[in-house]
Amino acid sequence: LDAIYGPGEVRVNSAHHMAVNNLSHRFRVSATCPDGVIEAYESIEEDWFCLGVQWHPESSTASALDLQIFEAFIDAAAREGTGPIILPMTEGLRKAG
């Protein structure tokens, strides 16, 4: 998350009644709110982009910083270069015309 937002504090719209409690050893906590609730976590594996956030970066009130999450995801997907992902439902729709 530091690579996306940079170090320091960022304000997010955080209003939730559920949160991550036990995080797998394959992830690290990337952000917490003042009461200790996990706001973001990410994979510890360098070659796998996986970021979970408790706020809504897609919200209409999102900041330019929030959009950087989507840019980072797109960049990671482009680096993989695996080509398009075709889901079974999508393939069926393509055949139906």
PDB file of N, CA and C in Angstrom:
ATOM      1  N   LEU A   1       0.827  -1.187   0.000  1.00  0.00           N
ATOM      2  CA  LEU A   1       0.000   0.000   0.000  1.00  0.00           C
ATOM      3  C   LEU A   1       0.873   1.254   0.000  1.00  0.00           C
ATOM      4  N   ASP A   2       2.015   1.177   0.678  1.00  0.00           N
ATOM      5  CA  ASP A   2       2.938   2.316   0.651  1.00  0.00           C
ATOM      6  C   ASP A   2       3.387   2.630  -0.769  1.00  0.00           C
ATOM      7  N   ALA A   3       3.554   1.586  -1.594  1.00  0.00           N
ATOM      8  CA  ALA A   3       3.977   1.809  -2.983  1.00  0.00           C
ATOM      9  C   ALA A   3       2.902   2.538  -3.779  1.00  0.00           C
ATOM     10  N   ILE A   4       1.647   2.416  -3.374  1.00  0.00           N
ATOM     11  CA  ILE A   4       0.544   3.066  -4.084  1.00  0.00           C
ATOM     12  C   ILE A   4       0.277   4.453  -3.523  1.00  0.00           C
ATOM     13  N   TYR A   5       0.104   4.552  -2.216  1.00  0.00           N
ATOM     14  CA  TYR A   5      -0.255   5.810  -1.565  1.00  0.00           C
ATOM     15  C   TYR A   5       0.940   6.613  -1.086  1.00  0.00           C
ATOM     16  N   GLY A   6       2.048   5.920  -0.837  1.00  0.00           N
ATOM     17  CA  GLY A   6       3.170   6.579  -0.188  1.00  0.00           C
ATOM     18  C   GLY A   6       3.026   6.415   1.317  1.00  0.00           C
ATOM     19  N   PRO A   7       4.087   6.708   2.061  1.00  0.00           N
ATOM     20  CA  PRO A   7       4.022   6.543   3.517  1.00  0.00           C
ATOM     21  C   PRO A   7       3.167   7.632   4.164  1.00  0.00           C
ATOM     22  N   GLY A   8       2.721   7.358   5.367  1.00  0.00           N
ATOM     23  CA  GLY A   8       1.963   8.355   6.119  1.00  0.00           C
ATOM     24  C   GLY A   8       0.512   7.974   6.281  1.00  0.00           C
ATOM     25  N   GLU A   9      -0.262   8.933   6.766  1.00  0.00           N
ATOM     26  CA  GLU A   9      -1.680   8.700   7.018  1.00  0.00           C
ATOM     27  C   GLU A   9      -2.534   9.172   5.857  1.00  0.00           C
ATOM     28  N   VAL A  10      -3.612   8.445   5.622  1.00  0.00           N
ATOM     29  CA  VAL A  10      -4.595   8.803   4.598  1.00  0.00           C
ATOM     30  C   VAL A  10      -5.965   8.694   5.252  1.00  0.00           C
ATOM     31  N   ARG A  11      -6.817   9.654   5.002  1.00  0.00           N
ATOM     32  CA  ARG A  11      -8.182   9.601   5.538  1.00  0.00           C
ATOM     33  C   ARG A  11      -9.073   8.851   4.560  1.00  0.00           C
ATOM     34  N   VAL A  12      -9.858   7.929   5.098  1.00  0.00           N
ATOM     35  CA  VAL A  12     -10.809   7.178   4.283  1.00  0.00           C
ATOM     36  C   VAL A  12     -12.170   7.207   4.973  1.00  0.00           C
ATOM     37  N   ASN A  13     -13.208   6.951   4.201  1.00  0.00           N
ATOM     38  CA  ASN A  13     -14.551   6.868   4.745  1.00  0.00           C
ATOM     39  C   ASN A  13     -14.722   5.482   5.344  1.00  0.00           C
ATOM     40  N   SER A  14     -14.658   5.400   6.642  1.00  0.00           N
ATOM     41  CA  SER A  14     -14.641   4.108   7.320  1.00  0.00           C
ATOM     42  C   SER A  14     -15.840   3.994   8.254  1.00  0.00           C
ATOM     43  N   ALA A  15     -16.863   3.328   7.784  1.00  0.00           N
ATOM     44  CA  ALA A  15     -18.046   3.074   8.609  1.00  0.00           C
ATOM     45  C   ALA A  15     -18.465   1.633   8.355  1.00  0.00           C
ATOM     46  N   HIS A  16     -18.095   0.750   9.249  1.00  0.00           N
ATOM     47  CA  HIS A  16     -18.384  -0.659   9.022  1.00  0.00           C
ATOM     48  C   HIS A  16     -18.729  -1.362  10.321  1.00  0.00           C
ATOM     49  N   HIS A  17     -19.431  -2.464  10.184  1.00  0.00           N
ATOM     50  CA  HIS A  17     -19.774  -3.271  11.348  1.00  0.00           C
ATOM     51  C   HIS A  17     -19.088  -4.639  11.310  1.00  0.00           C
ATOM     52  N   MET A  18     -18.329  -4.888  10.257  1.00  0.00           N
ATOM     53  CA  MET A  18     -17.578  -6.137  10.136  1.00  0.00           C
ATOM     54  C   MET A  18     -16.156  -5.794   9.710  1.00  0.00           C
ATOM     55  N   ALA A  19     -15.196  -6.597  10.154  1.00  0.00           N
ATOM     56  CA  ALA A  19     -13.802  -6.327   9.803  1.00  0.00           C
ATOM     57  C   ALA A  19     -12.998  -7.621   9.873  1.00  0.00           C
ATOM     58  N   VAL A  20     -11.823  -7.587   9.295  1.00  0.00           N
ATOM     59  CA  VAL A  20     -10.902  -8.723   9.346  1.00  0.00           C
ATOM     60  C   VAL A  20     -10.417  -8.876  10.786  1.00  0.00           C
ATOM     61  N   ASN A  21     -10.462 -10.098  11.280  1.00  0.00           N
ATOM     62  CA  ASN A  21     -10.007 -10.356  12.641  1.00  0.00           C
ATOM     63  C   ASN A  21      -8.729 -11.183  12.633  1.00  0.00           C
ATOM     64  N   ASN A  22      -8.750 -12.312  11.940  1.00  0.00           N
ATOM     65  CA  ASN A  22      -7.593 -13.200  11.859  1.00  0.00           C
ATOM     66  C   ASN A  22      -7.078 -13.210  10.431  1.00  0.00           C
ATOM     67  N   LEU A  23      -5.899 -12.690  10.243  1.00  0.00           N
ATOM     68  CA  LEU A  23      -5.304 -12.576   8.918  1.00  0.00           C
ATOM     69  C   LEU A  23      -4.356 -13.745   8.672  1.00  0.00           C
ATOM     70  N   SER A  24      -4.426 -14.339   7.501  1.00  0.00           N
ATOM     71  CA  SER A  24      -3.535 -15.435   7.128  1.00  0.00           C
ATOM     72  C   SER A  24      -2.079 -14.981   7.200  1.00  0.00           C
ATOM     73  N   HIS A  25      -1.192 -15.924   7.448  1.00  0.00           N
ATOM     74  CA  HIS A  25       0.241 -15.620   7.490  1.00  0.00           C
ATOM     75  C   HIS A  25       0.775 -15.192   6.121  1.00  0.00           C
ATOM     76  N   ARG A  26      -0.008 -15.381   5.056  1.00  0.00           N
ATOM     77  CA  ARG A  26       0.423 -14.990   3.711  1.00  0.00           C
ATOM     78  C   ARG A  26       0.150 -13.512   3.417  1.00  0.00           C
ATOM     79  N   PHE A  27      -0.418 -12.807   4.399  1.00  0.00           N
ATOM     80  CA  PHE A  27      -0.750 -11.397   4.228  1.00  0.00           C
ATOM     81  C   PHE A  27      -0.166 -10.570   5.359  1.00  0.00           C
ATOM     82  N   ARG A  28      -0.039  -9.277   5.110  1.00  0.00           N
ATOM     83  CA  ARG A  28       0.393  -8.355   6.159  1.00  0.00           C
ATOM     84  C   ARG A  28      -0.620  -7.223   6.252  1.00  0.00           C
ATOM     85  N   VAL A  29      -0.765  -6.696   7.434  1.00  0.00           N
ATOM     86  CA  VAL A  29      -1.635  -5.544   7.653  1.00  0.00           C
ATOM     87  C   VAL A  29      -0.943  -4.323   7.059  1.00  0.00           C
ATOM     88  N   SER A  30      -1.665  -3.583   6.224  1.00  0.00           N
ATOM     89  CA  SER A  30      -1.105  -2.403   5.571  1.00  0.00           C
ATOM     90  C   SER A  30      -1.628  -1.104   6.160  1.00  0.00           C
ATOM     91  N   ALA A  31      -2.817  -1.155   6.762  1.00  0.00           N
ATOM     92  CA  ALA A  31      -3.398   0.063   7.334  1.00  0.00           C
ATOM     93  C   ALA A  31      -4.389  -0.313   8.426  1.00  0.00           C
ATOM     94  N   THR A  32      -4.417   0.495   9.451  1.00  0.00           N
ATOM     95  CA  THR A  32      -5.392   0.339  10.529  1.00  0.00           C
ATOM     96  C   THR A  32      -5.991   1.700  10.844  1.00  0.00           C
ATOM     97  N   CYS A  33      -7.161   1.683  11.450  1.00  0.00           N
ATOM     98  CA  CYS A  33      -7.735   2.944  11.915  1.00  0.00           C
ATOM     99  C   CYS A  33      -7.333   3.122  13.385  1.00  0.00           C
ATOM    100  N   PRO A  34      -7.572   4.286  13.947  1.00  0.00           N
ATOM    101  CA  PRO A  34      -7.112   4.548  15.320  1.00  0.00           C
ATOM    102  C   PRO A  34      -7.576   3.525  16.356  1.00  0.00           C
ATOM    103  N   ASP A  35      -8.730   2.897  16.146  1.00  0.00           N
ATOM    104  CA  ASP A  35      -9.200   1.903  17.119  1.00  0.00           C
ATOM    105  C   ASP A  35      -8.617   0.512  16.870  1.00  0.00           C
ATOM    106  N   GLY A  36      -7.703   0.390  15.893  1.00  0.00           N
ATOM    107  CA  GLY A  36      -7.017  -0.866  15.636  1.00  0.00           C
ATOM    108  C   GLY A  36      -7.659  -1.763  14.601  1.00  0.00           C
ATOM    109  N   VAL A  37      -8.823  -1.392  14.080  1.00  0.00           N
ATOM    110  CA  VAL A  37      -9.477  -2.196  13.047  1.00  0.00           C
ATOM    111  C   VAL A  37      -8.610  -2.192  11.790  1.00  0.00           C
ATOM    112  N   ILE A  38      -8.423  -3.360  11.207  1.00  0.00           N
ATOM    113  CA  ILE A  38      -7.639  -3.472   9.976  1.00  0.00           C
ATOM    114  C   ILE A  38      -8.410  -2.821   8.837  1.00  0.00           C
ATOM    115  N   GLU A  39      -7.802  -1.839   8.200  1.00  0.00           N
ATOM    116  CA  GLU A  39      -8.418  -1.140   7.070  1.00  0.00           C
ATOM    117  C   GLU A  39      -7.904  -1.657   5.729  1.00  0.00           C
ATOM    118  N   ALA A  40      -6.691  -2.226   5.717  1.00  0.00           N
ATOM    119  CA  ALA A  40      -6.125  -2.748   4.469  1.00  0.00           C
ATOM    120  C   ALA A  40      -5.115  -3.841   4.784  1.00  0.00           C
ATOM    121  N   TYR A  41      -5.023  -4.797   3.872  1.00  0.00           N
ATOM    122  CA  TYR A  41      -4.016  -5.844   3.977  1.00  0.00           C
ATOM    123  C   TYR A  41      -3.551  -6.188   2.570  1.00  0.00           C
ATOM    124  N   GLU A  42      -2.373  -6.794   2.472  1.00  0.00           N
ATOM    125  CA  GLU A  42      -1.839  -7.165   1.162  1.00  0.00           C
ATOM    126  C   GLU A  42      -0.993  -8.422   1.278  1.00  0.00           C
ATOM    127  N   SER A  43      -0.797  -9.052   0.134  1.00  0.00           N
ATOM    128  CA  SER A  43       0.000 -10.272   0.073  1.00  0.00           C
ATOM    129  C   SER A  43       1.454  -9.965   0.407  1.00  0.00           C
ATOM    130  N   ILE A  44       2.117 -10.914   1.065  1.00  0.00           N
ATOM    131  CA  ILE A  44       3.544 -10.756   1.319  1.00  0.00           C
ATOM    132  C   ILE A  44       4.371 -11.268   0.139  1.00  0.00           C
ATOM    133  N   GLU A  45       3.714 -11.925  -0.818  1.00  0.00           N
ATOM    134  CA  GLU A  45       4.413 -12.466  -1.980  1.00  0.00           C
ATOM    135  C   GLU A  45       4.629 -11.359  -3.011  1.00  0.00           C
ATOM    136  N   GLU A  46       5.868 -11.166  -3.398  1.00  0.00           N
ATOM    137  CA  GLU A  46       6.234 -10.088  -4.313  1.00  0.00           C
ATOM    138  C   GLU A  46       5.603 -10.224  -5.694  1.00  0.00           C
ATOM    139  N   ASP A  47       5.394 -11.459  -6.141  1.00  0.00           N
ATOM    140  CA  ASP A  47       4.927 -11.662  -7.515  1.00  0.00           C
ATOM    141  C   ASP A  47       3.409 -11.838  -7.624  1.00  0.00           C
ATOM    142  N   TRP A  48       2.680 -11.450  -6.582  1.00  0.00           N
ATOM    143  CA  TRP A  48       1.224 -11.604  -6.602  1.00  0.00           C
ATOM    144  C   TRP A  48       0.583 -10.335  -6.071  1.00  0.00           C
ATOM    145  N   PHE A  49      -0.140  -9.635  -6.915  1.00  0.00           N
ATOM    146  CA  PHE A  49      -0.830  -8.417  -6.486  1.00  0.00           C
ATOM    147  C   PHE A  49      -2.141  -8.812  -5.830  1.00  0.00           C
ATOM    148  N   CYS A  50      -2.227  -8.611  -4.549  1.00  0.00           N
ATOM    149  CA  CYS A  50      -3.467  -8.872  -3.820  1.00  0.00           C
ATOM    150  C   CYS A  50      -3.567  -7.834  -2.717  1.00  0.00           C
ATOM    151  N   LEU A  51      -4.573  -7.001  -2.808  1.00  0.00           N
ATOM    152  CA  LEU A  51      -4.774  -5.919  -1.849  1.00  0.00           C
ATOM    153  C   LEU A  51      -6.235  -5.897  -1.452  1.00  0.00           C
ATOM    154  N   GLY A  52      -6.505  -5.934  -0.178  1.00  0.00           N
ATOM    155  CA  GLY A  52      -7.872  -5.834   0.324  1.00  0.00           C
ATOM    156  C   GLY A  52      -8.016  -4.574   1.145  1.00  0.00           C
ATOM    157  N   VAL A  53      -9.083  -3.839   0.913  1.00  0.00           N
ATOM    158  CA  VAL A  53      -9.326  -2.619   1.683  1.00  0.00           C
ATOM    159  C   VAL A  53     -10.733  -2.657   2.270  1.00  0.00           C
ATOM    160  N   GLN A  54     -10.901  -2.033   3.413  1.00  0.00           N
ATOM    161  CA  GLN A  54     -12.175  -2.015   4.111  1.00  0.00           C
ATOM    162  C   GLN A  54     -13.051  -0.848   3.651  1.00  0.00           C
ATOM    163  N   TRP A  55     -12.463   0.147   3.008  1.00  0.00           N
ATOM    164  CA  TRP A  55     -13.232   1.286   2.509  1.00  0.00           C
ATOM    165  C   TRP A  55     -13.600   1.062   1.055  1.00  0.00           C
ATOM    166  N   HIS A  56     -14.279   2.008   0.451  1.00  0.00           N
ATOM    167  CA  HIS A  56     -14.752   1.869  -0.926  1.00  0.00           C
ATOM    168  C   HIS A  56     -14.024   2.852  -1.844  1.00  0.00           C
ATOM    169  N   PRO A  57     -12.902   2.431  -2.446  1.00  0.00           N
ATOM    170  CA  PRO A  57     -12.171   3.336  -3.332  1.00  0.00           C
ATOM    171  C   PRO A  57     -12.931   3.652  -4.617  1.00  0.00           C
ATOM    172  N   GLU A  58     -13.987   2.897  -4.909  1.00  0.00           N
ATOM    173  CA  GLU A  58     -14.785   3.143  -6.110  1.00  0.00           C
ATOM    174  C   GLU A  58     -15.928   4.121  -5.840  1.00  0.00           C
ATOM    175  N   SER A  59     -16.067   4.557  -4.613  1.00  0.00           N
ATOM    176  CA  SER A  59     -17.161   5.446  -4.221  1.00  0.00           C
ATOM    177  C   SER A  59     -17.103   6.780  -4.961  1.00  0.00           C
ATOM    178  N   SER A  60     -18.251   7.413  -5.095  1.00  0.00           N
ATOM    179  CA  SER A  60     -18.297   8.727  -5.756  1.00  0.00           C
ATOM    180  C   SER A  60     -17.555   9.779  -4.942  1.00  0.00           C
ATOM    181  N   THR A  61     -17.290   9.495  -3.674  1.00  0.00           N
ATOM    182  CA  THR A  61     -16.533  10.429  -2.837  1.00  0.00           C
ATOM    183  C   THR A  61     -15.046  10.071  -2.789  1.00  0.00           C
ATOM    184  N   ALA A  62     -14.631   9.132  -3.606  1.00  0.00           N
ATOM    185  CA  ALA A  62     -13.233   8.688  -3.614  1.00  0.00           C
ATOM    186  C   ALA A  62     -12.313   9.821  -4.043  1.00  0.00           C
ATOM    187  N   SER A  63     -11.095   9.750  -3.549  1.00  0.00           N
ATOM    188  CA  SER A  63     -10.093  10.763  -3.890  1.00  0.00           C
ATOM    189  C   SER A  63      -9.230  10.276  -5.052  1.00  0.00           C
ATOM    190  N   ALA A  64      -8.398  11.173  -5.541  1.00  0.00           N
ATOM    191  CA  ALA A  64      -7.451  10.802  -6.595  1.00  0.00           C
ATOM    192  C   ALA A  64      -6.512   9.701  -6.091  1.00  0.00           C
ATOM    193  N   LEU A  65      -6.215   9.710  -4.810  1.00  0.00           N
ATOM    194  CA  LEU A  65      -5.377   8.652  -4.240  1.00  0.00           C
ATOM    195  C   LEU A  65      -6.057   7.294  -4.366  1.00  0.00           C
ATOM    196  N   ASP A  66      -7.379   7.271  -4.142  1.00  0.00           N
ATOM    197  CA  ASP A  66      -8.105   6.005  -4.257  1.00  0.00           C
ATOM    198  C   ASP A  66      -8.020   5.437  -5.663  1.00  0.00           C
ATOM    199  N   LEU A  67      -8.042   6.284  -6.651  1.00  0.00           N
ATOM    200  CA  LEU A  67      -7.955   5.817  -8.037  1.00  0.00           C
ATOM    201  C   LEU A  67      -6.623   5.136  -8.317  1.00  0.00           C
ATOM    202  N   GLN A  68      -5.618   5.465  -7.528  1.00  0.00           N
ATOM    203  CA  GLN A  68      -4.309   4.839  -7.708  1.00  0.00           C
ATOM    204  C   GLN A  68      -4.351   3.339  -7.398  1.00  0.00           C
ATOM    205  N   ILE A  69      -5.288   2.906  -6.570  1.00  0.00           N
ATOM    206  CA  ILE A  69      -5.442   1.468  -6.313  1.00  0.00           C
ATOM    207  C   ILE A  69      -5.789   0.757  -7.611  1.00  0.00           C
ATOM    208  N   PHE A  70      -6.718   1.330  -8.372  1.00  0.00           N
ATOM    209  CA  PHE A  70      -7.121   0.721  -9.637  1.00  0.00           C
ATOM    210  C   PHE A  70      -5.994   0.776 -10.659  1.00  0.00           C
ATOM    211  N   GLU A  71      -5.246   1.870 -10.671  1.00  0.00           N
ATOM    212  CA  GLU A  71      -4.101   1.972 -11.580  1.00  0.00           C
ATOM    213  C   GLU A  71      -3.060   0.910 -11.247  1.00  0.00           C
ATOM    214  N   ALA A  72      -2.812   0.680  -9.965  1.00  0.00           N
ATOM    215  CA  ALA A  72      -1.843  -0.342  -9.555  1.00  0.00           C
ATOM    216  C   ALA A  72      -2.314  -1.733  -9.964  1.00  0.00           C
ATOM    217  N   PHE A  73      -3.608  -1.987  -9.839  1.00  0.00           N
ATOM    218  CA  PHE A  73      -4.167  -3.277 -10.252  1.00  0.00           C
ATOM    219  C   PHE A  73      -4.002  -3.478 -11.756  1.00  0.00           C
ATOM    220  N   ILE A  74      -4.316  -2.458 -12.536  1.00  0.00           N
ATOM    221  CA  ILE A  74      -4.179  -2.539 -13.996  1.00  0.00           C
ATOM    222  C   ILE A  74      -2.724  -2.744 -14.384  1.00  0.00           C
ATOM    223  N   ASP A  75      -1.816  -2.028 -13.729  1.00  0.00           N
ATOM    224  CA  ASP A  75      -0.384  -2.191 -14.005  1.00  0.00           C
ATOM    225  C   ASP A  75       0.076  -3.612 -13.694  1.00  0.00           C
ATOM    226  N   ALA A  76      -0.386  -4.165 -12.572  1.00  0.00           N
ATOM    227  CA  ALA A  76       0.002  -5.533 -12.201  1.00  0.00           C
ATOM    228  C   ALA A  76      -0.526  -6.535 -13.218  1.00  0.00           C
ATOM    229  N   ALA A  77      -1.754  -6.342 -13.665  1.00  0.00           N
ATOM    230  CA  ALA A  77      -2.332  -7.243 -14.669  1.00  0.00           C
ATOM    231  C   ALA A  77      -1.574  -7.141 -15.985  1.00  0.00           C
ATOM    232  N   ALA A  78      -1.191  -5.941 -16.373  1.00  0.00           N
ATOM    233  CA  ALA A  78      -0.456  -5.744 -17.624  1.00  0.00           C
ATOM    234  C   ALA A  78       0.922  -6.403 -17.550  1.00  0.00           C
ATOM    235  N   ARG A  79       1.562  -6.351 -16.386  1.00  0.00           N
ATOM    236  CA  ARG A  79       2.879  -6.987 -16.228  1.00  0.00           C
ATOM    237  C   ARG A  79       2.783  -8.500 -16.365  1.00  0.00           C
ATOM    238  N   GLU A  80       1.687  -9.070 -15.903  1.00  0.00           N
ATOM    239  CA  GLU A  80       1.496 -10.521 -16.016  1.00  0.00           C
ATOM    240  C   GLU A  80       1.413 -10.938 -17.469  1.00  0.00           C
ATOM    241  N   GLY A  81       0.709 -10.163 -18.266  1.00  0.00           N
ATOM    242  CA  GLY A  81       0.618 -10.441 -19.690  1.00  0.00           C
ATOM    243  C   GLY A  81       0.036 -11.794 -20.027  1.00  0.00           C
ATOM    244  N   THR A  82      -0.930 -12.260 -19.257  1.00  0.00           N
ATOM    245  CA  THR A  82      -1.495 -13.584 -19.494  1.00  0.00           C
ATOM    246  C   THR A  82      -2.599 -13.582 -20.537  1.00  0.00           C
ATOM    247  N   GLY A  83      -2.966 -12.435 -21.048  1.00  0.00           N
ATOM    248  CA  GLY A  83      -4.035 -12.362 -22.032  1.00  0.00           C
ATOM    249  C   GLY A  83      -5.384 -12.233 -21.364  1.00  0.00           C
ATOM    250  N   PRO A  84      -6.427 -12.205 -22.159  1.00  0.00           N
ATOM    251  CA  PRO A  84      -7.763 -12.004 -21.584  1.00  0.00           C
ATOM    252  C   PRO A  84      -8.212 -13.210 -20.768  1.00  0.00           C
ATOM    253  N   ILE A  85      -8.976 -12.931 -19.750  1.00  0.00           N
ATOM    254  CA  ILE A  85      -9.563 -13.985 -18.933  1.00  0.00           C
ATOM    255  C   ILE A  85     -10.998 -14.164 -19.401  1.00  0.00           C
ATOM    256  N   ILE A  86     -11.348 -15.373 -19.793  1.00  0.00           N
ATOM    257  CA  ILE A  86     -12.696 -15.640 -20.282  1.00  0.00           C
ATOM    258  C   ILE A  86     -13.396 -16.532 -19.265  1.00  0.00           C
ATOM    259  N   LEU A  87     -14.431 -15.994 -18.662  1.00  0.00           N
ATOM    260  CA  LEU A  87     -15.221 -16.756 -17.707  1.00  0.00           C
ATOM    261  C   LEU A  87     -16.216 -17.617 -18.461  1.00  0.00           C
ATOM    262  N   PRO A  88     -16.617 -18.757 -17.923  1.00  0.00           N
ATOM    263  CA  PRO A  88     -17.569 -19.626 -18.625  1.00  0.00           C
ATOM    264  C   PRO A  88     -18.837 -18.893 -19.045  1.00  0.00           C
ATOM    265  N   MET A  89     -19.376 -18.045 -18.184  1.00  0.00           N
ATOM    266  CA  MET A  89     -20.588 -17.316 -18.525  1.00  0.00           C
ATOM    267  C   MET A  89     -20.341 -16.358 -19.690  1.00  0.00           C
ATOM    268  N   THR A  90     -19.196 -15.697 -19.672  1.00  0.00           N
ATOM    269  CA  THR A  90     -18.854 -14.761 -20.738  1.00  0.00           C
ATOM    270  C   THR A  90     -18.725 -15.490 -22.067  1.00  0.00           C
ATOM    271  N   GLU A  91     -18.091 -16.649 -22.057  1.00  0.00           N
ATOM    272  CA  GLU A  91     -17.919 -17.428 -23.284  1.00  0.00           C
ATOM    273  C   GLU A  91     -19.279 -17.837 -23.848  1.00  0.00           C
ATOM    274  N   GLY A  92     -20.196 -18.252 -22.984  1.00  0.00           N
ATOM    275  CA  GLY A  92     -21.538 -18.620 -23.429  1.00  0.00           C
ATOM    276  C   GLY A  92     -22.271 -17.458 -24.067  1.00  0.00           C
ATOM    277  N   LEU A  93     -22.105 -16.278 -23.503  1.00  0.00           N
ATOM    278  CA  LEU A  93     -22.745 -15.091 -24.072  1.00  0.00           C
ATOM    279  C   LEU A  93     -22.152 -14.753 -25.433  1.00  0.00           C
ATOM    280  N   ARG A  94     -20.846 -14.947 -25.582  1.00  0.00           N
ATOM    281  CA  ARG A  94     -20.202 -14.671 -26.875  1.00  0.00           C
ATOM    282  C   ARG A  94     -20.741 -15.599 -27.957  1.00  0.00           C
ATOM    283  N   LYS A  95     -20.895 -16.867 -27.620  1.00  0.00           N
ATOM    284  CA  LYS A  95     -21.395 -17.826 -28.605  1.00  0.00           C
ATOM    285  C   LYS A  95     -22.839 -17.536 -28.982  1.00  0.00           C
ATOM    286  N   ALA A  96     -23.621 -17.027 -28.015  1.00  0.00           N
ATOM    287  CA  ALA A  96     -25.034 -16.724 -28.277  1.00  0.00           C
ATOM    288  C   ALA A  96     -25.186 -15.513 -29.186  1.00  0.00           C
ATOM    289  N   GLY A  97     -24.119 -14.735 -29.277  1.00  0.00           N
ATOM    290  CA  GLY A  97     -24.118 -13.609 -30.205  1.00  0.00           C
ATOM    291  C   GLY A  97     -24.638 -12.363 -29.640  1.00  0.00           C
TER     292      GLY A  97
END
